[in-house]
Amino acid sequence: MTDLVPMRGNRLVPSRVERQTGRALEQIRAGQAVASARETAKVEVIAEVTEAALLATSHVSAVEALLVSRTPHAEGRLRHIADAGAIGMANVVMKAHRQVT
């Protein structure tokens, strides 16, 4: 048996309970959409920071290799500086991840 109440001929109108249920379902769906958008935004922020760090690390590594080829006696120092920079960038990525989640 249906909760629909007849109105004007053959047209059926939802009952009060059905209207309340419909509104509740709309609110749940809207909440899920907002939660999904938030999670997507978090992923995009982390991806953007990670990509920037990867590109910067690649650049630092290329400069390091160039400088080592020009001044081989400074290789240890150059590697140490490049490694410190890469570690710093990794820390920025991790910090972004912690702040977003």
N, C-alpha and C. Protein backbone atom coordinates (compact mmCIF):
# COMPACT_ATOMS: atom_id res chain seq x y z
N MET A 1 0.83 -1.17 0.00
CA MET A 1 0.00 0.00 0.00
C MET A 1 0.88 1.24 0.00
N THR A 2 0.49 2.27 -0.67
CA THR A 2 1.29 3.48 -0.82
C THR A 2 0.85 4.55 0.16
N ASP A 3 1.79 5.45 0.49
CA ASP A 3 1.48 6.59 1.34
C ASP A 3 1.08 7.81 0.53
N LEU A 4 1.00 7.65 -0.78
CA LEU A 4 0.63 8.77 -1.64
C LEU A 4 -0.86 9.07 -1.48
N VAL A 5 -1.17 10.32 -1.41
CA VAL A 5 -2.55 10.76 -1.25
C VAL A 5 -3.05 11.28 -2.59
N PRO A 6 -4.19 10.77 -3.08
CA PRO A 6 -4.69 11.24 -4.36
C PRO A 6 -5.10 12.70 -4.29
N MET A 7 -4.88 13.40 -5.40
CA MET A 7 -5.27 14.80 -5.48
C MET A 7 -5.64 15.08 -6.92
N ARG A 8 -6.77 15.70 -7.15
CA ARG A 8 -7.22 16.10 -8.49
C ARG A 8 -7.11 14.96 -9.51
N GLY A 9 -7.98 14.17 -9.53
CA GLY A 9 -7.99 13.10 -10.53
C GLY A 9 -7.03 11.99 -10.20
N ASN A 10 -6.16 11.63 -11.18
CA ASN A 10 -5.23 10.52 -11.00
C ASN A 10 -3.87 10.94 -10.48
N ARG A 11 -3.66 12.23 -10.29
CA ARG A 11 -2.35 12.73 -9.84
C ARG A 11 -2.16 12.41 -8.35
N LEU A 12 -0.95 11.88 -8.01
CA LEU A 12 -0.66 11.52 -6.62
C LEU A 12 0.32 12.52 -6.02
N VAL A 13 0.12 12.84 -4.76
CA VAL A 13 0.98 13.79 -4.04
C VAL A 13 1.67 13.03 -2.92
N PRO A 14 2.97 13.24 -2.73
CA PRO A 14 3.67 12.52 -1.66
C PRO A 14 3.12 12.92 -0.29
N SER A 15 3.15 11.95 0.60
CA SER A 15 2.69 12.22 1.97
C SER A 15 3.74 13.03 2.71
N ARG A 16 3.38 13.50 3.89
CA ARG A 16 4.29 14.29 4.71
C ARG A 16 5.57 13.51 5.04
N VAL A 17 5.41 12.24 5.37
CA VAL A 17 6.57 11.39 5.69
C VAL A 17 7.49 11.26 4.49
N GLU A 18 6.93 11.07 3.33
CA GLU A 18 7.74 10.95 2.12
C GLU A 18 8.47 12.25 1.80
N ARG A 19 7.81 13.38 2.00
CA ARG A 19 8.48 14.67 1.78
C ARG A 19 9.62 14.87 2.77
N GLN A 20 9.40 14.51 4.03
CA GLN A 20 10.46 14.63 5.04
C GLN A 20 11.63 13.71 4.71
N THR A 21 11.32 12.51 4.28
CA THR A 21 12.37 11.56 3.90
C THR A 21 13.16 12.08 2.70
N GLY A 22 12.46 12.64 1.74
CA GLY A 22 13.13 13.21 0.56
C GLY A 22 14.07 14.34 0.94
N ARG A 23 13.61 15.22 1.83
CA ARG A 23 14.47 16.33 2.27
C ARG A 23 15.68 15.81 3.04
N ALA A 24 15.46 14.80 3.88
CA ALA A 24 16.57 14.23 4.65
C ALA A 24 17.60 13.60 3.71
N LEU A 25 17.13 12.91 2.68
CA LEU A 25 18.06 12.31 1.71
C LEU A 25 18.82 13.38 0.94
N GLU A 26 18.16 14.47 0.58
CA GLU A 26 18.84 15.57 -0.10
C GLU A 26 19.93 16.17 0.78
N GLN A 27 19.66 16.30 2.07
CA GLN A 27 20.67 16.85 2.99
C GLN A 27 21.85 15.91 3.11
N ILE A 28 21.59 14.62 3.17
CA ILE A 28 22.68 13.63 3.25
C ILE A 28 23.53 13.69 1.99
N ARG A 29 22.89 13.74 0.83
CA ARG A 29 23.64 13.80 -0.44
C ARG A 29 24.46 15.09 -0.54
N ALA A 30 23.88 16.20 -0.08
CA ALA A 30 24.61 17.47 -0.11
C ALA A 30 25.82 17.40 0.82
N GLY A 31 25.64 16.81 1.98
CA GLY A 31 26.76 16.65 2.92
C GLY A 31 27.86 15.78 2.33
N GLN A 32 27.47 14.73 1.65
CA GLN A 32 28.45 13.85 1.01
C GLN A 32 29.20 14.57 -0.10
N ALA A 33 28.50 15.40 -0.85
CA ALA A 33 29.14 16.15 -1.93
C ALA A 33 30.15 17.14 -1.36
N VAL A 34 29.81 17.79 -0.27
CA VAL A 34 30.73 18.74 0.37
C VAL A 34 31.95 18.00 0.90
N ALA A 35 31.73 16.87 1.56
CA ALA A 35 32.86 16.09 2.09
C ALA A 35 33.78 15.62 0.96
N SER A 36 33.18 15.19 -0.14
CA SER A 36 33.97 14.74 -1.29
C SER A 36 34.79 15.90 -1.87
N ALA A 37 34.18 17.07 -1.98
CA ALA A 37 34.90 18.24 -2.49
C ALA A 37 36.05 18.63 -1.58
N ARG A 38 35.86 18.53 -0.28
CA ARG A 38 36.93 18.84 0.67
C ARG A 38 38.10 17.88 0.50
N GLU A 39 37.81 16.59 0.39
CA GLU A 39 38.87 15.59 0.23
C GLU A 39 39.61 15.79 -1.09
N THR A 40 38.88 16.11 -2.14
CA THR A 40 39.52 16.38 -3.44
C THR A 40 40.44 17.59 -3.35
N ALA A 41 40.00 18.62 -2.66
CA ALA A 41 40.84 19.82 -2.48
C ALA A 41 42.11 19.48 -1.72
N LYS A 42 42.00 18.62 -0.71
CA LYS A 42 43.19 18.21 0.06
C LYS A 42 44.19 17.51 -0.85
N VAL A 43 43.69 16.60 -1.67
CA VAL A 43 44.56 15.86 -2.59
C VAL A 43 45.25 16.83 -3.55
N GLU A 44 44.50 17.80 -4.05
CA GLU A 44 45.07 18.76 -5.00
C GLU A 44 46.16 19.61 -4.36
N VAL A 45 45.95 20.02 -3.11
CA VAL A 45 46.98 20.82 -2.41
C VAL A 45 48.24 20.00 -2.23
N ILE A 46 48.09 18.78 -1.77
CA ILE A 46 49.26 17.91 -1.54
C ILE A 46 49.97 17.64 -2.87
N ALA A 47 49.22 17.38 -3.93
CA ALA A 47 49.82 17.12 -5.24
C ALA A 47 50.59 18.34 -5.75
N GLU A 48 50.03 19.52 -5.56
CA GLU A 48 50.69 20.74 -6.03
C GLU A 48 52.00 20.98 -5.29
N VAL A 49 51.98 20.83 -3.98
CA VAL A 49 53.21 21.02 -3.19
C VAL A 49 54.24 19.96 -3.56
N THR A 50 53.79 18.73 -3.72
CA THR A 50 54.70 17.64 -4.08
C THR A 50 55.34 17.88 -5.44
N GLU A 51 54.53 18.29 -6.41
CA GLU A 51 55.06 18.55 -7.75
C GLU A 51 56.10 19.67 -7.72
N ALA A 52 55.81 20.73 -6.99
CA ALA A 52 56.77 21.84 -6.89
C ALA A 52 58.08 21.37 -6.27
N ALA A 53 57.97 20.55 -5.23
CA ALA A 53 59.18 20.04 -4.57
C ALA A 53 59.96 19.10 -5.50
N LEU A 54 59.27 18.28 -6.25
CA LEU A 54 59.96 17.38 -7.19
C LEU A 54 60.71 18.16 -8.26
N LEU A 55 60.04 19.15 -8.83
CA LEU A 55 60.70 19.96 -9.87
C LEU A 55 61.88 20.73 -9.30
N ALA A 56 61.72 21.29 -8.11
CA ALA A 56 62.82 22.04 -7.49
C ALA A 56 63.99 21.11 -7.15
N THR A 57 63.68 19.91 -6.68
CA THR A 57 64.74 18.95 -6.36
C THR A 57 65.48 18.54 -7.63
N SER A 58 64.75 18.36 -8.71
CA SER A 58 65.38 18.02 -9.98
C SER A 58 66.32 19.14 -10.42
N HIS A 59 65.87 20.36 -10.28
CA HIS A 59 66.70 21.52 -10.65
C HIS A 59 67.95 21.58 -9.78
N VAL A 60 67.77 21.40 -8.47
CA VAL A 60 68.92 21.42 -7.56
C VAL A 60 69.91 20.32 -7.93
N SER A 61 69.39 19.14 -8.25
CA SER A 61 70.27 18.02 -8.62
C SER A 61 71.03 18.30 -9.90
N ALA A 62 70.38 18.92 -10.86
CA ALA A 62 71.05 19.26 -12.12
C ALA A 62 72.15 20.29 -11.88
N VAL A 63 71.86 21.29 -11.06
CA VAL A 63 72.88 22.31 -10.74
C VAL A 63 74.02 21.67 -9.97
N GLU A 64 73.68 20.78 -9.05
CA GLU A 64 74.72 20.08 -8.28
C GLU A 64 75.65 19.31 -9.22
N ALA A 65 75.07 18.55 -10.17
CA ALA A 65 75.89 17.78 -11.10
C ALA A 65 76.77 18.68 -11.94
N LEU A 66 76.23 19.80 -12.38
CA LEU A 66 77.01 20.75 -13.17
C LEU A 66 78.19 21.30 -12.36
N LEU A 67 77.91 21.69 -11.12
CA LEU A 67 78.97 22.26 -10.28
C LEU A 67 80.02 21.22 -9.89
N VAL A 68 79.58 19.98 -9.67
CA VAL A 68 80.55 18.92 -9.36
C VAL A 68 81.47 18.68 -10.55
N SER A 69 80.91 18.74 -11.77
CA SER A 69 81.76 18.53 -12.95
C SER A 69 82.75 19.68 -13.12
N ARG A 70 82.39 20.88 -12.69
CA ARG A 70 83.28 22.03 -12.81
C ARG A 70 84.30 22.10 -11.68
N THR A 71 83.87 21.68 -10.50
CA THR A 71 84.76 21.75 -9.33
C THR A 71 84.70 20.44 -8.56
N PRO A 72 85.36 19.41 -9.07
CA PRO A 72 85.29 18.09 -8.45
C PRO A 72 85.76 18.07 -6.99
N HIS A 73 86.68 18.94 -6.64
CA HIS A 73 87.19 18.94 -5.26
C HIS A 73 86.12 19.42 -4.26
N ALA A 74 85.03 20.04 -4.73
CA ALA A 74 83.97 20.52 -3.84
C ALA A 74 82.77 19.56 -3.82
N GLU A 75 82.95 18.38 -4.37
CA GLU A 75 81.82 17.45 -4.51
C GLU A 75 81.13 17.15 -3.18
N GLY A 76 81.87 16.85 -2.16
CA GLY A 76 81.28 16.53 -0.85
C GLY A 76 80.43 17.66 -0.30
N ARG A 77 80.97 18.87 -0.37
CA ARG A 77 80.21 20.03 0.13
C ARG A 77 78.96 20.29 -0.71
N LEU A 78 79.12 20.20 -2.04
CA LEU A 78 77.98 20.43 -2.91
C LEU A 78 76.88 19.39 -2.67
N ARG A 79 77.27 18.15 -2.51
CA ARG A 79 76.28 17.10 -2.25
C ARG A 79 75.58 17.35 -0.92
N HIS A 80 76.34 17.75 0.09
CA HIS A 80 75.75 18.02 1.40
C HIS A 80 74.72 19.15 1.31
N ILE A 81 75.07 20.21 0.60
CA ILE A 81 74.14 21.34 0.46
C ILE A 81 72.90 20.91 -0.33
N ALA A 82 73.11 20.18 -1.41
CA ALA A 82 71.98 19.72 -2.23
C ALA A 82 71.08 18.77 -1.43
N ASP A 83 71.69 17.87 -0.66
CA ASP A 83 70.91 16.95 0.17
C ASP A 83 70.12 17.71 1.24
N ALA A 84 70.73 18.71 1.83
CA ALA A 84 70.03 19.51 2.84
C ALA A 84 68.82 20.22 2.22
N GLY A 85 69.00 20.73 1.02
CA GLY A 85 67.89 21.38 0.32
C GLY A 85 66.78 20.40 0.00
N ALA A 86 67.15 19.21 -0.47
CA ALA A 86 66.15 18.19 -0.80
C ALA A 86 65.40 17.73 0.45
N ILE A 87 66.12 17.59 1.55
CA ILE A 87 65.47 17.20 2.81
C ILE A 87 64.53 18.31 3.27
N GLY A 88 64.95 19.55 3.12
CA GLY A 88 64.07 20.67 3.48
C GLY A 88 62.79 20.66 2.66
N MET A 89 62.92 20.39 1.37
CA MET A 89 61.73 20.33 0.51
C MET A 89 60.84 19.16 0.89
N ALA A 90 61.44 18.04 1.23
CA ALA A 90 60.65 16.88 1.67
C ALA A 90 59.90 17.23 2.95
N ASN A 91 60.54 17.98 3.83
CA ASN A 91 59.87 18.40 5.07
C ASN A 91 58.68 19.32 4.77
N VAL A 92 58.82 20.17 3.78
CA VAL A 92 57.71 21.06 3.39
C VAL A 92 56.53 20.22 2.88
N VAL A 93 56.81 19.20 2.08
CA VAL A 93 55.76 18.32 1.58
C VAL A 93 55.07 17.61 2.74
N MET A 94 55.84 17.09 3.68
CA MET A 94 55.26 16.41 4.83
C MET A 94 54.44 17.37 5.69
N LYS A 95 54.93 18.59 5.86
CA LYS A 95 54.20 19.59 6.65
C LYS A 95 52.87 19.92 5.97
N ALA A 96 52.89 20.08 4.66
CA ALA A 96 51.66 20.35 3.91
C ALA A 96 50.67 19.22 4.11
N HIS A 97 51.16 18.00 4.07
CA HIS A 97 50.30 16.83 4.27
C HIS A 97 49.68 16.86 5.66
N ARG A 98 50.47 17.13 6.67
CA ARG A 98 49.95 17.16 8.04
C ARG A 98 48.93 18.28 8.22
N GLN A 99 49.18 19.44 7.63
CA GLN A 99 48.28 20.57 7.80
C GLN A 99 46.95 20.36 7.08
N VAL A 100 46.99 19.66 5.98
CA VAL A 100 45.79 19.46 5.18
C VAL A 100 44.91 18.37 5.79
N THR A 101 45.52 17.34 6.32
CA THR A 101 44.73 16.22 6.84
C THR A 101 44.35 16.38 8.28
